């Protein structure tokens, strides 16, 4: 619980009463490596804080090799099919633990109660949503303005652990190139 408190306290101070109420709504869960814990067409009912592990957001295709990875979340970050969570509509993508992943999760209904009954709930919700939006916006801008090689180098610089634990097919999909093109990029850089 200290991990999530440190993260949230970096956004705003939380009173002990608000903290107690908020944490009473959290449930810890561990997801096995490679487990898909939100499937295409399911409504996302949780927003989770990753205590350890890596989660991939992806659009599944008939052939697994053609899946489109478009996001990763890491330790000390929130994860959710956030559009489905907010709109209460079926998700158009899936969430998969790439490593064994431990998370603290809160349901949609419990989060609404936190918003209503605490002084800090709405502020934390808004600021967390803003951070998620900024990550998404940054990714879109990178796809539009950087070359594939620049995107790979930036990813390697910002998330070196990702390169060590992630299959290249996920990385290539994430930066928007084929596995063969990524192999050529890696060869050129070496």
Protein backbone atom coordinates (compact mmCIF):
# COMPACT_ATOMS: atom_id res chain seq x y z
CA UNK A 1 0.00 0.00 0.00
CA UNK A 2 2.92 2.33 0.58
CA UNK A 3 3.79 2.33 -3.15
CA UNK A 4 0.41 3.69 -4.17
CA UNK A 5 0.36 6.16 -1.29
CA UNK A 6 3.76 7.55 -2.34
CA UNK A 7 2.54 7.87 -5.92
CA UNK A 8 -0.69 9.62 -4.92
CA UNK A 9 1.05 11.83 -2.36
CA UNK A 10 3.30 13.04 -5.19
CA UNK A 11 0.09 14.43 -6.72
CA UNK A 12 -1.58 15.83 -3.60
CA UNK A 13 -1.66 15.40 0.18
CA UNK A 14 -4.20 12.83 1.36
CA UNK A 15 -5.74 12.98 4.84
CA UNK A 16 -5.57 9.82 6.94
CA UNK A 17 -9.39 9.50 6.86
CA UNK A 18 -9.50 9.76 3.06
CA UNK A 19 -6.62 7.31 2.81
CA UNK A 20 -8.35 4.78 5.05
CA UNK A 21 -11.58 5.00 3.07
CA UNK A 22 -9.76 4.73 -0.27
CA UNK A 23 -7.62 1.74 0.76
CA UNK A 24 -10.68 -0.07 2.16
CA UNK A 25 -11.87 -0.24 -1.47
CA UNK A 26 -8.61 -1.62 -2.93
CA UNK A 27 -8.12 -5.31 -3.63
CA UNK A 28 -4.74 -6.84 -4.35
CA UNK A 29 -4.51 -9.40 -7.12
CA UNK A 30 -1.71 -11.25 -8.86
CA UNK A 31 -1.94 -12.01 -12.56
CA UNK A 32 0.11 -14.86 -14.01
CA UNK A 33 2.68 -14.23 -16.72
CA UNK A 34 1.05 -14.11 -20.20
CA UNK A 35 -2.48 -14.13 -18.72
CA UNK A 36 -5.05 -12.00 -20.52
CA UNK A 37 -7.07 -10.41 -17.73
CA UNK A 38 -9.37 -8.25 -19.84
CA UNK A 39 -10.65 -9.76 -23.08
CA UNK A 40 -11.97 -8.10 -26.19
CA UNK A 41 -15.64 -7.21 -25.72
CA UNK A 42 -15.59 -7.23 -21.92
CA UNK A 43 -16.46 -4.08 -20.00
CA UNK A 44 -13.53 -2.85 -17.92
CA UNK A 45 -14.67 -2.68 -14.32
CA UNK A 46 -11.35 -1.88 -12.63
CA UNK A 47 -8.62 0.65 -12.58
CA UNK A 48 -5.46 -0.83 -11.12
CA UNK A 49 -2.14 0.36 -9.77
CA UNK A 50 0.75 -1.90 -10.76
CA UNK A 51 2.91 -2.77 -7.76
CA UNK A 52 5.17 -5.01 -9.84
CA UNK A 53 5.15 -6.32 -13.38
CA UNK A 54 4.45 -5.22 -16.95
CA UNK A 55 1.09 -5.10 -18.74
CA UNK A 56 0.52 -4.92 -22.49
CA UNK A 57 -2.49 -3.30 -24.17
CA UNK A 58 -3.16 -4.84 -27.56
CA UNK A 59 -5.66 -5.39 -30.34
CA UNK A 60 -5.86 -9.12 -31.08
CA UNK A 61 -5.79 -10.43 -34.62
CA UNK A 62 -6.60 -13.92 -35.97
CA UNK A 63 -2.90 -14.70 -36.20
CA UNK A 64 -1.14 -13.86 -32.91
CA UNK A 65 1.86 -12.63 -34.89
CA UNK A 66 -0.30 -9.79 -36.22
CA UNK A 67 -1.58 -8.54 -32.84
CA UNK A 68 -1.16 -4.78 -32.50
CA UNK A 69 0.55 -3.75 -29.25
CA UNK A 70 -0.16 -0.11 -28.57
CA UNK A 71 0.69 0.38 -24.93
CA UNK A 72 2.61 -0.91 -21.95
CA UNK A 73 2.22 -0.09 -18.27
CA UNK A 74 4.85 -0.68 -15.62
CA UNK A 75 5.41 -0.69 -11.89
CA UNK A 76 4.03 2.46 -10.19
CA UNK A 77 1.62 3.20 -13.03
CA UNK A 78 -2.12 2.83 -13.39
CA UNK A 79 -3.58 0.39 -15.90
CA UNK A 80 -7.08 0.07 -17.28
CA UNK A 81 -8.95 -0.14 -20.55
CA UNK A 82 -9.77 3.38 -19.48
CA UNK A 83 -12.16 4.25 -22.30
CA UNK A 84 -14.25 1.16 -21.51
CA UNK A 85 -13.98 1.92 -17.78
CA UNK A 86 -15.30 5.47 -18.23
CA UNK A 87 -18.01 4.77 -20.81
CA UNK A 88 -19.10 1.35 -19.42
CA UNK A 89 -18.91 -0.07 -22.96
CA UNK A 90 -17.15 -3.22 -24.24
CA UNK A 91 -13.40 -2.92 -24.67
CA UNK A 92 -11.97 -2.90 -28.18
CA UNK A 93 -8.66 -4.30 -26.95
CA UNK A 94 -7.17 -6.66 -24.38
CA UNK A 95 -4.90 -6.40 -21.34
CA UNK A 96 -2.20 -9.00 -20.79
CA UNK A 97 0.37 -9.46 -18.03
CA UNK A 98 3.76 -9.93 -19.71
CA UNK A 99 5.38 -10.85 -16.41
CA UNK A 100 3.80 -11.99 -13.18
CA UNK A 101 2.03 -8.79 -12.16
CA UNK A 102 0.72 -7.67 -8.78
CA UNK A 103 -1.86 -4.89 -8.74
CA UNK A 104 -4.11 -2.99 -6.39
CA UNK A 105 -7.53 -2.63 -8.04
CA UNK A 106 -10.64 -0.59 -7.39
CA UNK A 107 -14.00 -1.16 -9.08
CA UNK A 108 -15.87 1.49 -11.00
CA UNK A 109 -18.62 1.68 -8.37
CA UNK A 110 -16.14 1.88 -5.49
CA UNK A 111 -14.22 4.64 -7.24
CA UNK A 112 -17.44 6.63 -7.68
CA UNK A 113 -17.99 6.27 -3.93
CA UNK A 114 -14.44 7.49 -3.24
CA UNK A 115 -15.16 10.51 -5.45
CA UNK A 116 -18.34 11.27 -3.50
CA UNK A 117 -17.15 10.64 0.05
CA UNK A 118 -13.60 11.98 0.18
CA UNK A 119 -12.14 15.43 -0.18
CA UNK A 120 -9.25 14.28 -2.31
CA UNK A 121 -10.99 11.71 -4.56
CA UNK A 122 -11.96 14.02 -7.42
CA UNK A 123 -8.57 15.72 -7.48
CA UNK A 124 -6.71 12.41 -7.62
CA UNK A 125 -9.10 11.12 -10.30
CA UNK A 126 -8.65 14.20 -12.44
CA UNK A 127 -4.88 14.33 -12.08
CA UNK A 128 -4.52 10.60 -12.78
CA UNK A 129 -6.72 10.96 -15.88
CA UNK A 130 -4.57 13.89 -16.99
CA UNK A 131 -1.40 11.82 -16.62
CA UNK A 132 -2.93 8.96 -18.63
CA UNK A 133 -3.96 11.44 -21.32
CA UNK A 134 -0.46 12.94 -21.48
CA UNK A 135 1.11 9.49 -21.93
CA UNK A 136 -1.32 8.73 -24.75
CA UNK A 137 -0.77 12.10 -26.38
CA UNK A 138 3.02 11.72 -26.19
CA UNK A 139 2.82 8.29 -27.85
CA UNK A 140 0.64 9.64 -30.67
CA UNK A 141 3.00 12.55 -31.24
CA UNK A 142 5.98 10.19 -31.34
CA UNK A 143 4.25 8.03 -33.96
CA UNK A 144 3.58 11.10 -36.08
CA UNK A 145 6.89 12.94 -35.72
CA UNK A 146 9.67 10.41 -35.11
CA UNK A 147 11.13 7.81 -37.42
CA UNK A 148 10.88 4.16 -36.43
CA UNK A 149 14.55 4.22 -35.45
CA UNK A 150 14.04 7.32 -33.29
CA UNK A 151 11.00 5.69 -31.61
CA UNK A 152 13.05 2.56 -30.87
CA UNK A 153 15.97 4.55 -29.45
CA UNK A 154 13.62 6.67 -27.35
CA UNK A 155 11.92 3.54 -26.00
CA UNK A 156 15.29 1.98 -25.25
CA UNK A 157 16.42 5.14 -23.43
CA UNK A 158 13.19 5.62 -21.45
CA UNK A 159 12.46 1.96 -20.70
CA UNK A 160 15.66 -0.12 -20.97
CA UNK A 161 14.07 -2.92 -18.91
CA UNK A 162 11.39 -3.27 -21.59
CA UNK A 163 13.93 -4.28 -24.21
CA UNK A 164 15.31 -7.00 -21.92
CA UNK A 165 11.99 -8.66 -21.01
CA UNK A 166 9.74 -8.02 -23.99
CA UNK A 167 9.53 -10.16 -27.12
CA UNK A 168 10.68 -8.18 -30.16
CA UNK A 169 7.35 -8.77 -31.92
CA UNK A 170 5.62 -6.66 -29.23
CA UNK A 171 8.24 -3.92 -29.46
CA UNK A 172 8.06 -3.81 -33.25
CA UNK A 173 4.27 -3.58 -33.14
CA UNK A 174 4.45 -0.84 -30.50
CA UNK A 175 6.81 1.34 -32.53
CA UNK A 176 4.80 0.67 -35.69
CA UNK A 177 7.15 -1.50 -37.77
CA UNK A 178 7.42 -5.13 -38.78
CA UNK A 179 9.66 -7.49 -36.83
CA UNK A 180 12.00 -7.60 -39.87
CA UNK A 181 12.26 -3.78 -39.96
CA UNK A 182 13.05 -3.73 -36.24
CA UNK A 183 15.73 -6.34 -36.79
CA UNK A 184 17.32 -4.09 -39.44
CA UNK A 185 17.11 -1.07 -37.10
CA UNK A 186 18.78 -3.02 -34.29
CA UNK A 187 21.50 -4.20 -36.67
CA UNK A 188 22.19 -0.63 -37.86
CA UNK A 189 22.39 0.69 -34.30
CA UNK A 190 24.75 -2.03 -33.02
